[in-house]
């Protein structure tokens, strides 16, 4: 007797198109989960970001908003570092030194904001291009390239943070 290897459709998913859409949604969810693990290594921060991203509809919107959340957290962390440094130094630090140290945050904040805006514009163009491509090797290559762009994005954010940390050590 031959077994039936067909997948039974659930009442919620009735057509092959709906099955394909459900599969695409699951792939996007898995990609977004990997993206968040890379962007927010700390589980508590990741859960907080997930709650803020709950109602985002598109993958681009999800990734862009996640980067903005990470950027805001990074900038707040830099401000906290400067505040801690200034409070520890107390009277030993001159007003002009404090101004220069606080200026480091402003410079890095501007750099991060410009970087995120550039990323959003380029990523949006790339995803539109990818959606319009026919299935095949070129689409696979473009998708892999887009994933590398995302990896480079978080690495660049880490680089900006490292530049800030080094500058802060130099100022002190």
Protein backbone atom coordinates (compact mmCIF):
# COMPACT_ATOMS: atom_id res chain seq x y z
CA UNK A 1 0.00 0.00 0.00
CA UNK A 2 1.40 3.36 -1.01
CA UNK A 3 1.47 6.18 1.56
CA UNK A 4 -0.03 9.55 0.78
CA UNK A 5 2.76 12.15 1.12
CA UNK A 6 0.60 15.17 0.53
CA UNK A 7 0.25 17.91 3.11
CA UNK A 8 -3.27 18.45 4.33
CA UNK A 9 -4.30 22.08 4.32
CA UNK A 10 -5.67 23.55 7.50
CA UNK A 11 -9.01 25.41 7.41
CA UNK A 12 -7.16 28.75 7.80
CA UNK A 13 -4.88 28.05 4.84
CA UNK A 14 -6.85 26.79 1.89
CA UNK A 15 -4.98 27.60 -1.29
CA UNK A 16 -1.43 26.97 -2.46
CA UNK A 17 -0.93 30.74 -2.63
CA UNK A 18 -1.80 31.06 1.05
CA UNK A 19 0.57 28.17 1.86
CA UNK A 20 3.35 29.96 -0.04
CA UNK A 21 2.62 33.21 1.79
CA UNK A 22 2.68 31.41 5.15
CA UNK A 23 6.06 29.87 4.23
CA UNK A 24 7.42 33.28 3.21
CA UNK A 25 6.19 34.77 6.49
CA UNK A 26 7.95 32.04 8.47
CA UNK A 27 11.20 32.65 6.57
CA UNK A 28 10.94 36.40 7.29
CA UNK A 29 10.30 35.68 10.98
CA UNK A 30 13.39 33.47 11.15
CA UNK A 31 15.51 36.11 9.38
CA UNK A 32 14.22 38.81 11.72
CA UNK A 33 15.02 36.66 14.76
CA UNK A 34 18.62 36.18 13.51
CA UNK A 35 18.86 39.90 12.81
CA UNK A 36 17.78 40.77 16.36
CA UNK A 37 20.21 38.24 17.89
CA UNK A 38 23.08 39.92 16.03
CA UNK A 39 21.95 43.46 16.78
CA UNK A 40 21.01 42.83 20.42
CA UNK A 41 23.25 40.11 21.89
CA UNK A 42 21.78 40.76 25.35
CA UNK A 43 18.52 38.80 25.70
CA UNK A 44 16.83 41.45 27.82
CA UNK A 45 17.54 44.17 25.25
CA UNK A 46 16.38 41.83 22.48
CA UNK A 47 13.05 41.17 24.23
CA UNK A 48 12.54 44.91 24.74
CA UNK A 49 13.24 45.51 21.06
CA UNK A 50 10.83 42.71 20.07
CA UNK A 51 8.05 44.36 22.05
CA UNK A 52 8.71 47.66 20.30
CA UNK A 53 8.77 45.96 16.90
CA UNK A 54 5.61 43.90 17.41
CA UNK A 55 3.39 45.85 15.03
CA UNK A 56 5.83 46.43 12.20
CA UNK A 57 4.53 45.04 8.92
CA UNK A 58 7.36 44.80 6.38
CA UNK A 59 10.83 43.30 6.68
CA UNK A 60 12.44 46.61 5.67
CA UNK A 61 10.42 48.49 8.25
CA UNK A 62 11.32 45.86 10.88
CA UNK A 63 15.05 46.01 10.21
CA UNK A 64 15.12 49.77 9.91
CA UNK A 65 13.23 50.26 13.17
CA UNK A 66 15.47 47.68 14.91
CA UNK A 67 18.54 49.62 13.77
CA UNK A 68 17.02 52.88 15.03
CA UNK A 69 16.32 51.26 18.41
CA UNK A 70 19.91 49.99 18.54
CA UNK A 71 21.22 53.41 17.49
CA UNK A 72 19.22 55.19 20.19
CA UNK A 73 20.45 52.73 22.80
CA UNK A 74 24.03 53.19 21.65
CA UNK A 75 23.77 56.98 21.80
CA UNK A 76 22.21 56.82 25.27
CA UNK A 77 25.01 54.53 26.40
CA UNK A 78 27.60 57.02 25.11
CA UNK A 79 25.87 59.85 26.97
CA UNK A 80 25.81 57.77 30.15
CA UNK A 81 29.52 57.04 29.76
CA UNK A 82 30.27 60.75 29.45
CA UNK A 83 28.07 61.59 32.45
CA UNK A 84 29.81 58.91 34.51
CA UNK A 85 33.23 60.15 33.43
CA UNK A 86 32.40 63.78 34.26
CA UNK A 87 30.93 62.88 37.65
CA UNK A 88 33.95 60.72 38.57
CA UNK A 89 36.41 63.43 37.51
CA UNK A 90 34.45 66.11 39.35
CA UNK A 91 36.51 69.21 40.07
CA UNK A 92 39.59 67.85 38.25
CA UNK A 93 37.97 68.39 34.85
CA UNK A 94 37.89 71.81 33.21
CA UNK A 95 34.75 73.19 31.57
CA UNK A 96 36.38 73.13 28.14
CA UNK A 97 37.35 69.47 28.62
CA UNK A 98 33.79 68.57 29.55
CA UNK A 99 32.53 70.44 26.49
CA UNK A 100 34.95 68.55 24.24
CA UNK A 101 33.99 65.20 25.74
CA UNK A 102 30.28 65.91 25.33
CA UNK A 103 31.01 67.03 21.77
CA UNK A 104 32.29 63.48 21.09
CA UNK A 105 28.76 62.18 21.64
CA UNK A 106 27.31 64.79 19.29
CA UNK A 107 29.83 63.89 16.57
CA UNK A 108 29.16 60.15 16.88
CA UNK A 109 25.40 60.73 17.05
CA UNK A 110 25.51 62.67 13.79
CA UNK A 111 27.68 59.98 12.20
CA UNK A 112 25.31 57.20 13.30
CA UNK A 113 22.21 59.08 12.15
CA UNK A 114 23.71 59.73 8.70
CA UNK A 115 24.79 56.12 8.45
CA UNK A 116 21.32 54.80 9.35
CA UNK A 117 19.62 57.14 6.85
CA UNK A 118 21.99 56.04 4.08
CA UNK A 119 21.42 52.42 5.01
CA UNK A 120 17.62 52.82 4.92
CA UNK A 121 17.67 54.40 1.47
CA UNK A 122 20.05 51.83 0.00
CA UNK A 123 18.29 48.87 1.64
CA UNK A 124 14.90 50.01 0.36
CA UNK A 125 16.21 50.24 -3.22
CA UNK A 126 17.92 46.85 -2.93
CA UNK A 127 14.80 45.11 -1.56
CA UNK A 128 12.64 46.58 -4.32
CA UNK A 129 15.17 45.37 -6.88
CA UNK A 130 15.17 41.93 -5.25
CA UNK A 131 11.36 41.71 -5.27
CA UNK A 132 11.27 42.51 -8.98
CA UNK A 133 13.84 39.85 -9.90
CA UNK A 134 12.76 36.49 -11.23
CA UNK A 135 13.57 33.41 -9.16
CA UNK A 136 17.00 32.02 -9.94
CA UNK A 137 20.71 32.30 -9.25
CA UNK A 138 20.86 36.07 -9.65
CA UNK A 139 18.09 36.53 -7.08
CA UNK A 140 19.93 34.18 -4.69
CA UNK A 141 23.16 36.15 -5.16
CA UNK A 142 21.38 39.45 -4.61
CA UNK A 143 19.69 38.10 -1.48
CA UNK A 144 23.05 36.91 -0.12
CA UNK A 145 24.58 40.31 -0.89
CA UNK A 146 21.76 42.04 0.94
CA UNK A 147 22.34 39.83 3.99
CA UNK A 148 26.05 40.78 3.90
CA UNK A 149 25.03 44.44 3.83
CA UNK A 150 23.08 43.88 7.05
CA UNK A 151 26.06 42.17 8.72
CA UNK A 152 28.29 45.05 7.62
CA UNK A 153 25.74 47.48 9.06
CA UNK A 154 25.92 46.12 12.59
CA UNK A 155 29.69 45.80 12.35
CA UNK A 156 29.89 49.46 11.33
CA UNK A 157 27.74 50.48 14.31
CA UNK A 158 30.16 48.58 16.55
CA UNK A 159 33.06 50.37 14.83
CA UNK A 160 31.49 53.77 15.54
CA UNK A 161 31.02 52.81 19.20
CA UNK A 162 34.65 51.63 19.40
CA UNK A 163 35.83 54.95 17.91
CA UNK A 164 33.86 56.75 20.62
CA UNK A 165 35.35 54.58 23.39
CA UNK A 166 38.89 55.20 22.11
CA UNK A 167 38.28 58.94 21.83
CA UNK A 168 36.86 59.04 25.34
CA UNK A 169 39.94 57.26 26.70
CA UNK A 170 42.16 59.71 24.78
CA UNK A 171 40.30 62.73 26.18
CA UNK A 172 40.72 61.47 29.74
